[in-house]
């Protein structure tokens, strides 16, 4: 059963929803994007499956969302919320930070500062739609910890082939920025979510926690 608690941040109260593993190899702290909360299918799928495989998942709902606002506050406030959440976890299992879209950017910017051992970037917004010259690749590279990008190959904010060589990247066939796939596409929505979960688990074991018995 998920545990929910409120944490204070410099920009108001945030909410942490914990889905705990019995014996966690790592804690995965994930935040949401600029338009939705933590109830997106990809975050929910990770929160359901990862704990059964030895990884605790904490979903961070940023203060702007807790307060009922429609639009996210500036990027620096998201980083402050992530830092506040991470500060409550020090001294426990190794920490992986991540999130989807704006949450992925915040995780990449904050990974080193919060002492994370990995960064999970779901639907990383490499650039605004139709503006590839406005690249945010330096944010991603700046994480400087093992990083996995999971990206839909129809994402208007950065298709897999737009990312530089050398980035650990898992494409999701037919998926858009929300990881939605066409009804008559090459894979079903269930299969798209399974790709996200399986890629994350493989990466956590290989690059973050090491092999589990």
C-alpha atoms as a PDB file:
ATOM      1  CA  UNK A   1       0.000   0.000   0.000  1.00  0.00           C
ATOM      2  CA  UNK A   2       1.310   3.447  -0.905  1.00  0.00           C
ATOM      3  CA  UNK A   3       2.318   5.849   1.853  1.00  0.00           C
ATOM      4  CA  UNK A   4       1.672   9.573   1.387  1.00  0.00           C
ATOM      5  CA  UNK A   5       3.306  12.392   3.285  1.00  0.00           C
ATOM      6  CA  UNK A   6       3.707  16.125   2.929  1.00  0.00           C
ATOM      7  CA  UNK A   7       7.127  17.754   2.841  1.00  0.00           C
ATOM      8  CA  UNK A   8       8.015  21.425   3.080  1.00  0.00           C
ATOM      9  CA  UNK A   9       9.893  23.122   0.239  1.00  0.00           C
ATOM     10  CA  UNK A  10      10.945  26.758  -0.253  1.00  0.00           C
ATOM     11  CA  UNK A  11       7.954  27.194  -2.571  1.00  0.00           C
ATOM     12  CA  UNK A  12       5.210  25.476  -0.589  1.00  0.00           C
ATOM     13  CA  UNK A  13       4.259  21.977   0.445  1.00  0.00           C
ATOM     14  CA  UNK A  14       5.003  19.062  -1.854  1.00  0.00           C
ATOM     15  CA  UNK A  15       3.644  15.541  -1.622  1.00  0.00           C
ATOM     16  CA  UNK A  16       5.607  12.284  -1.619  1.00  0.00           C
ATOM     17  CA  UNK A  17       3.832   9.034  -2.438  1.00  0.00           C
ATOM     18  CA  UNK A  18       5.969   6.025  -1.512  1.00  0.00           C
ATOM     19  CA  UNK A  19       5.688   2.578  -3.074  1.00  0.00           C
ATOM     20  CA  UNK A  20       8.196   0.581  -1.046  1.00  0.00           C
ATOM     21  CA  UNK A  21      10.147  -2.565  -1.807  1.00  0.00           C
ATOM     22  CA  UNK A  22      10.698  -4.999   1.059  1.00  0.00           C
ATOM     23  CA  UNK A  23      14.466  -4.758   0.665  1.00  0.00           C
ATOM     24  CA  UNK A  24      15.397  -1.903  -1.641  1.00  0.00           C
ATOM     25  CA  UNK A  25      18.531  -1.980  -3.788  1.00  0.00           C
ATOM     26  CA  UNK A  26      17.860   1.690  -4.554  1.00  0.00           C
ATOM     27  CA  UNK A  27      15.230   4.382  -4.132  1.00  0.00           C
ATOM     28  CA  UNK A  28      13.877   5.907  -7.354  1.00  0.00           C
ATOM     29  CA  UNK A  29      12.562   9.448  -6.834  1.00  0.00           C
ATOM     30  CA  UNK A  30      10.398  10.542  -9.776  1.00  0.00           C
ATOM     31  CA  UNK A  31       8.620  13.824 -10.461  1.00  0.00           C
ATOM     32  CA  UNK A  32       6.005  14.743 -13.035  1.00  0.00           C
ATOM     33  CA  UNK A  33       5.845  17.066 -16.022  1.00  0.00           C
ATOM     34  CA  UNK A  34       4.651  20.631 -16.430  1.00  0.00           C
ATOM     35  CA  UNK A  35       1.120  19.748 -17.487  1.00  0.00           C
ATOM     36  CA  UNK A  36       0.198  16.684 -15.440  1.00  0.00           C
ATOM     37  CA  UNK A  37       0.691  15.244 -11.984  1.00  0.00           C
ATOM     38  CA  UNK A  38       2.045  11.917 -10.796  1.00  0.00           C
ATOM     39  CA  UNK A  39      -0.962   9.985 -12.118  1.00  0.00           C
ATOM     40  CA  UNK A  40       0.407   9.483 -15.645  1.00  0.00           C
ATOM     41  CA  UNK A  41       0.472   5.896 -16.967  1.00  0.00           C
ATOM     42  CA  UNK A  42       4.273   5.700 -17.194  1.00  0.00           C
ATOM     43  CA  UNK A  43       4.894   6.838 -13.610  1.00  0.00           C
ATOM     44  CA  UNK A  44       2.091   4.622 -12.320  1.00  0.00           C
ATOM     45  CA  UNK A  45       3.488   1.594 -14.174  1.00  0.00           C
ATOM     46  CA  UNK A  46       6.940   2.133 -12.673  1.00  0.00           C
ATOM     47  CA  UNK A  47       5.456   2.593  -9.198  1.00  0.00           C
ATOM     48  CA  UNK A  48       3.551  -0.678  -9.550  1.00  0.00           C
ATOM     49  CA  UNK A  49       6.299  -2.911 -10.939  1.00  0.00           C
ATOM     50  CA  UNK A  50       9.634  -1.642  -9.607  1.00  0.00           C
ATOM     51  CA  UNK A  51       8.908  -2.330  -5.904  1.00  0.00           C
ATOM     52  CA  UNK A  52       8.151  -5.974  -6.742  1.00  0.00           C
ATOM     53  CA  UNK A  53      11.643  -6.143  -8.204  1.00  0.00           C
ATOM     54  CA  UNK A  54      13.532  -4.624  -5.298  1.00  0.00           C
ATOM     55  CA  UNK A  55      13.356  -0.872  -5.982  1.00  0.00           C
ATOM     56  CA  UNK A  56      11.396   1.596  -3.881  1.00  0.00           C
ATOM     57  CA  UNK A  57       9.603   4.277  -5.920  1.00  0.00           C
ATOM     58  CA  UNK A  58       8.775   7.714  -4.529  1.00  0.00           C
ATOM     59  CA  UNK A  59       6.514   9.911  -6.645  1.00  0.00           C
ATOM     60  CA  UNK A  60       7.004  13.623  -5.999  1.00  0.00           C
ATOM     61  CA  UNK A  61       4.069  15.949  -6.578  1.00  0.00           C
ATOM     62  CA  UNK A  62       5.477  19.457  -6.862  1.00  0.00           C
ATOM     63  CA  UNK A  63       4.022  22.354  -4.799  1.00  0.00           C
ATOM     64  CA  UNK A  64       2.359  24.010  -7.797  1.00  0.00           C
ATOM     65  CA  UNK A  65       0.344  20.854  -8.421  1.00  0.00           C
ATOM     66  CA  UNK A  66      -0.453  20.298  -4.748  1.00  0.00           C
ATOM     67  CA  UNK A  67      -1.764  23.880  -4.628  1.00  0.00           C
ATOM     68  CA  UNK A  68      -4.100  23.193  -7.544  1.00  0.00           C
ATOM     69  CA  UNK A  69      -2.432  25.444 -10.094  1.00  0.00           C
ATOM     70  CA  UNK A  70      -2.788  24.668 -13.803  1.00  0.00           C
ATOM     71  CA  UNK A  71       0.691  25.679 -14.927  1.00  0.00           C
ATOM     72  CA  UNK A  72       4.073  24.711 -13.504  1.00  0.00           C
ATOM     73  CA  UNK A  73       6.193  27.273 -11.691  1.00  0.00           C
ATOM     74  CA  UNK A  74       9.700  28.172 -13.037  1.00  0.00           C
ATOM     75  CA  UNK A  75      12.372  25.469 -13.383  1.00  0.00           C
ATOM     76  CA  UNK A  76      14.348  26.630 -10.332  1.00  0.00           C
ATOM     77  CA  UNK A  77      11.317  25.956  -8.116  1.00  0.00           C
ATOM     78  CA  UNK A  78      11.056  22.400  -9.442  1.00  0.00           C
ATOM     79  CA  UNK A  79      14.719  21.825  -8.597  1.00  0.00           C
ATOM     80  CA  UNK A  80      14.123  23.171  -5.084  1.00  0.00           C
ATOM     81  CA  UNK A  81      11.240  20.736  -4.616  1.00  0.00           C
ATOM     82  CA  UNK A  82      13.359  17.826  -5.794  1.00  0.00           C
ATOM     83  CA  UNK A  83      16.219  18.809  -3.488  1.00  0.00           C
ATOM     84  CA  UNK A  84      13.845  19.049  -0.532  1.00  0.00           C
ATOM     85  CA  UNK A  85      12.466  15.589  -1.261  1.00  0.00           C
ATOM     86  CA  UNK A  86      15.939  14.096  -1.683  1.00  0.00           C
ATOM     87  CA  UNK A  87      17.077  15.628   1.598  1.00  0.00           C
ATOM     88  CA  UNK A  88      14.527  13.517   3.455  1.00  0.00           C
ATOM     89  CA  UNK A  89      16.103  10.340   2.067  1.00  0.00           C
ATOM     90  CA  UNK A  90      19.757  10.756   2.962  1.00  0.00           C
ATOM     91  CA  UNK A  91      21.433   7.821   4.656  1.00  0.00           C
ATOM     92  CA  UNK A  92      19.095   5.259   3.148  1.00  0.00           C
ATOM     93  CA  UNK A  93      19.375   3.225  -0.074  1.00  0.00           C
ATOM     94  CA  UNK A  94      21.251   4.648  -3.073  1.00  0.00           C
ATOM     95  CA  UNK A  95      19.201   7.358  -4.757  1.00  0.00           C
ATOM     96  CA  UNK A  96      18.139   7.517  -8.400  1.00  0.00           C
ATOM     97  CA  UNK A  97      16.390  10.706  -9.507  1.00  0.00           C
ATOM     98  CA  UNK A  98      14.181  11.025 -12.536  1.00  0.00           C
ATOM     99  CA  UNK A  99      10.853  12.037 -13.923  1.00  0.00           C
ATOM    100  CA  UNK A 100       8.979  12.755 -17.085  1.00  0.00           C
ATOM    101  CA  UNK A 101       9.413  15.855 -19.289  1.00  0.00           C
ATOM    102  CA  UNK A 102       9.999  18.874 -17.005  1.00  0.00           C
ATOM    103  CA  UNK A 103      10.633  16.401 -14.197  1.00  0.00           C
ATOM    104  CA  UNK A 104      13.364  14.753 -16.273  1.00  0.00           C
ATOM    105  CA  UNK A 105      15.042  18.117 -16.862  1.00  0.00           C
ATOM    106  CA  UNK A 106      14.922  18.891 -13.152  1.00  0.00           C
ATOM    107  CA  UNK A 107      16.411  15.499 -12.296  1.00  0.00           C
ATOM    108  CA  UNK A 108      19.298  15.996 -14.728  1.00  0.00           C
ATOM    109  CA  UNK A 109      20.024  19.467 -13.345  1.00  0.00           C
ATOM    110  CA  UNK A 110      19.908  18.253  -9.746  1.00  0.00           C
ATOM    111  CA  UNK A 111      21.445  14.763  -9.867  1.00  0.00           C
ATOM    112  CA  UNK A 112      24.949  15.671  -8.745  1.00  0.00           C
ATOM    113  CA  UNK A 113      23.809  18.089  -6.064  1.00  0.00           C
ATOM    114  CA  UNK A 114      21.533  15.562  -4.368  1.00  0.00           C
ATOM    115  CA  UNK A 115      24.095  12.763  -4.534  1.00  0.00           C
ATOM    116  CA  UNK A 116      22.151  10.588  -6.954  1.00  0.00           C
ATOM    117  CA  UNK A 117      23.784   7.504  -8.462  1.00  0.00           C
ATOM    118  CA  UNK A 118      21.614   7.598 -11.584  1.00  0.00           C
ATOM    119  CA  UNK A 119      19.127   9.678 -13.575  1.00  0.00           C
ATOM    120  CA  UNK A 120      16.029   8.339 -15.357  1.00  0.00           C
ATOM    121  CA  UNK A 121      14.763  10.710 -18.067  1.00  0.00           C
ATOM    122  CA  UNK A 122      11.299   9.859 -19.385  1.00  0.00           C
ATOM    123  CA  UNK A 123      10.263  11.861 -22.478  1.00  0.00           C
ATOM    124  CA  UNK A 124      13.138  14.308 -22.054  1.00  0.00           C
ATOM    125  CA  UNK A 125      12.118  17.592 -23.755  1.00  0.00           C
ATOM    126  CA  UNK A 126      15.256  18.026 -25.831  1.00  0.00           C
ATOM    127  CA  UNK A 127      13.803  21.177 -27.385  1.00  0.00           C
ATOM    128  CA  UNK A 128      10.467  23.014 -27.696  1.00  0.00           C
ATOM    129  CA  UNK A 129       8.189  21.549 -30.410  1.00  0.00           C
ATOM    130  CA  UNK A 130       9.472  22.520 -33.831  1.00  0.00           C
ATOM    131  CA  UNK A 131      12.503  24.367 -32.404  1.00  0.00           C
ATOM    132  CA  UNK A 132      15.447  21.952 -32.557  1.00  0.00           C
ATOM    133  CA  UNK A 133      17.886  24.874 -32.400  1.00  0.00           C
ATOM    134  CA  UNK A 134      16.744  25.507 -28.806  1.00  0.00           C
ATOM    135  CA  UNK A 135      18.478  22.378 -27.561  1.00  0.00           C
ATOM    136  CA  UNK A 136      18.623  21.388 -23.911  1.00  0.00           C
ATOM    137  CA  UNK A 137      21.162  18.645 -24.450  1.00  0.00           C
ATOM    138  CA  UNK A 138      23.637  20.305 -22.078  1.00  0.00           C
ATOM    139  CA  UNK A 139      21.179  19.804 -19.203  1.00  0.00           C
ATOM    140  CA  UNK A 140      21.068  16.108 -19.981  1.00  0.00           C
ATOM    141  CA  UNK A 141      24.821  15.718 -20.353  1.00  0.00           C
ATOM    142  CA  UNK A 142      25.319  17.819 -17.237  1.00  0.00           C
ATOM    143  CA  UNK A 143      23.745  15.145 -15.039  1.00  0.00           C
ATOM    144  CA  UNK A 144      27.174  13.434 -15.004  1.00  0.00           C
ATOM    145  CA  UNK A 145      25.767  10.224 -13.528  1.00  0.00           C
ATOM    146  CA  UNK A 146      24.576   7.098 -15.387  1.00  0.00           C
ATOM    147  CA  UNK A 147      21.509   8.292 -17.277  1.00  0.00           C
ATOM    148  CA  UNK A 148      18.809   6.455 -19.210  1.00  0.00           C
ATOM    149  CA  UNK A 149      16.565   8.325 -21.644  1.00  0.00           C
ATOM    150  CA  UNK A 150      13.302   6.648 -22.647  1.00  0.00           C
ATOM    151  CA  UNK A 151      11.819   8.471 -25.625  1.00  0.00           C
ATOM    152  CA  UNK A 152       8.873   8.004 -27.953  1.00  0.00           C
ATOM    153  CA  UNK A 153       9.896   7.987 -31.590  1.00  0.00           C
ATOM    154  CA  UNK A 154       7.076  10.448 -32.416  1.00  0.00           C
ATOM    155  CA  UNK A 155       8.004  12.878 -29.631  1.00  0.00           C
ATOM    156  CA  UNK A 156       7.802  16.405 -31.074  1.00  0.00           C
ATOM    157  CA  UNK A 157      10.118  17.612 -28.289  1.00  0.00           C
ATOM    158  CA  UNK A 158      12.925  15.318 -29.392  1.00  0.00           C
ATOM    159  CA  UNK A 159      12.850  12.084 -31.371  1.00  0.00           C
ATOM    160  CA  UNK A 160      15.396   9.392 -30.457  1.00  0.00           C
ATOM    161  CA  UNK A 161      17.574  10.094 -33.507  1.00  0.00           C
ATOM    162  CA  UNK A 162      17.957  13.746 -32.435  1.00  0.00           C
ATOM    163  CA  UNK A 163      19.911  12.802 -29.315  1.00  0.00           C
ATOM    164  CA  UNK A 164      23.708  12.722 -29.589  1.00  0.00           C
ATOM    165  CA  UNK A 165      25.561   9.446 -29.945  1.00  0.00           C
ATOM    166  CA  UNK A 166      26.692   7.883 -26.701  1.00  0.00           C
ATOM    167  CA  UNK A 167      23.533   8.625 -24.717  1.00  0.00           C
ATOM    168  CA  UNK A 168      21.902   5.509 -23.248  1.00  0.00           C
ATOM    169  CA  UNK A 169      18.512   5.687 -24.936  1.00  0.00           C
ATOM    170  CA  UNK A 170      15.519   3.362 -25.260  1.00  0.00           C
ATOM    171  CA  UNK A 171      13.046   4.277 -28.037  1.00  0.00           C
ATOM    172  CA  UNK A 172       9.363   3.452 -27.693  1.00  0.00           C
ATOM    173  CA  UNK A 173       7.979   2.659 -31.180  1.00  0.00           C
ATOM    174  CA  UNK A 174       5.162   4.925 -32.305  1.00  0.00           C
ATOM    175  CA  UNK A 175       4.940   6.776 -28.970  1.00  0.00           C
ATOM    176  CA  UNK A 176       4.456  10.524 -28.612  1.00  0.00           C
ATOM    177  CA  UNK A 177       5.615  12.801 -25.771  1.00  0.00           C
ATOM    178  CA  UNK A 178       3.049  11.219 -23.428  1.00  0.00           C
ATOM    179  CA  UNK A 179       4.029   7.712 -24.602  1.00  0.00           C
ATOM    180  CA  UNK A 180       0.669   7.314 -26.304  1.00  0.00           C
ATOM    181  CA  UNK A 181       0.759   5.030 -29.327  1.00  0.00           C
ATOM    182  CA  UNK A 182      -1.666   4.853 -32.288  1.00  0.00           C
ATOM    183  CA  UNK A 183      -4.470   2.323 -31.982  1.00  0.00           C
ATOM    184  CA  UNK A 184      -3.267   0.672 -35.181  1.00  0.00           C
ATOM    185  CA  UNK A 185       0.418   1.108 -34.464  1.00  0.00           C
ATOM    186  CA  UNK A 186       3.135  -1.521 -34.297  1.00  0.00           C
ATOM    187  CA  UNK A 187       2.662  -1.998 -30.534  1.00  0.00           C
ATOM    188  CA  UNK A 188      -0.219  -1.663 -28.097  1.00  0.00           C
ATOM    189  CA  UNK A 189      -0.376   0.822 -25.224  1.00  0.00           C
ATOM    190  CA  UNK A 190       0.231  -2.016 -22.786  1.00  0.00           C
ATOM    191  CA  UNK A 191       3.325  -3.060 -24.728  1.00  0.00           C
ATOM    192  CA  UNK A 192       4.590   0.540 -24.746  1.00  0.00           C
ATOM    193  CA  UNK A 193       4.383   0.719 -20.953  1.00  0.00           C
ATOM    194  CA  UNK A 194       6.068  -2.681 -20.684  1.00  0.00           C
ATOM    195  CA  UNK A 195       9.009  -1.368 -22.733  1.00  0.00           C
ATOM    196  CA  UNK A 196       9.381   1.563 -20.317  1.00  0.00           C
ATOM    197  CA  UNK A 197       9.303  -0.662 -17.246  1.00  0.00           C
ATOM    198  CA  UNK A 198      11.580  -3.372 -18.638  1.00  0.00           C
ATOM    199  CA  UNK A 199      14.162  -0.882 -19.914  1.00  0.00           C
ATOM    200  CA  UNK A 200      14.192   0.853 -16.536  1.00  0.00           C
ATOM    201  CA  UNK A 201      14.647  -2.392 -14.614  1.00  0.00           C
ATOM    202  CA  UNK A 202      17.439  -3.583 -16.891  1.00  0.00           C
ATOM    203  CA  UNK A 203      19.236  -0.242 -16.543  1.00  0.00           C
ATOM    204  CA  UNK A 204      18.829  -0.129 -12.755  1.00  0.00           C
ATOM    205  CA  UNK A 205      20.346  -3.578 -12.376  1.00  0.00           C
ATOM    206  CA  UNK A 206      23.106  -3.067 -14.932  1.00  0.00           C
ATOM    207  CA  UNK A 207      24.244   0.508 -14.255  1.00  0.00           C
ATOM    208  CA  UNK A 208      22.933   1.533 -10.838  1.00  0.00           C
ATOM    209  CA  UNK A 209      22.536  -1.258  -8.307  1.00  0.00           C
ATOM    210  CA  UNK A 210      24.541  -4.114  -9.793  1.00  0.00           C
ATOM    211  CA  UNK A 211      23.313  -7.693 -10.194  1.00  0.00           C
ATOM    212  CA  UNK A 212      20.782  -8.896  -7.645  1.00  0.00           C
ATOM    213  CA  UNK A 213      20.744 -12.449  -6.288  1.00  0.00           C
END
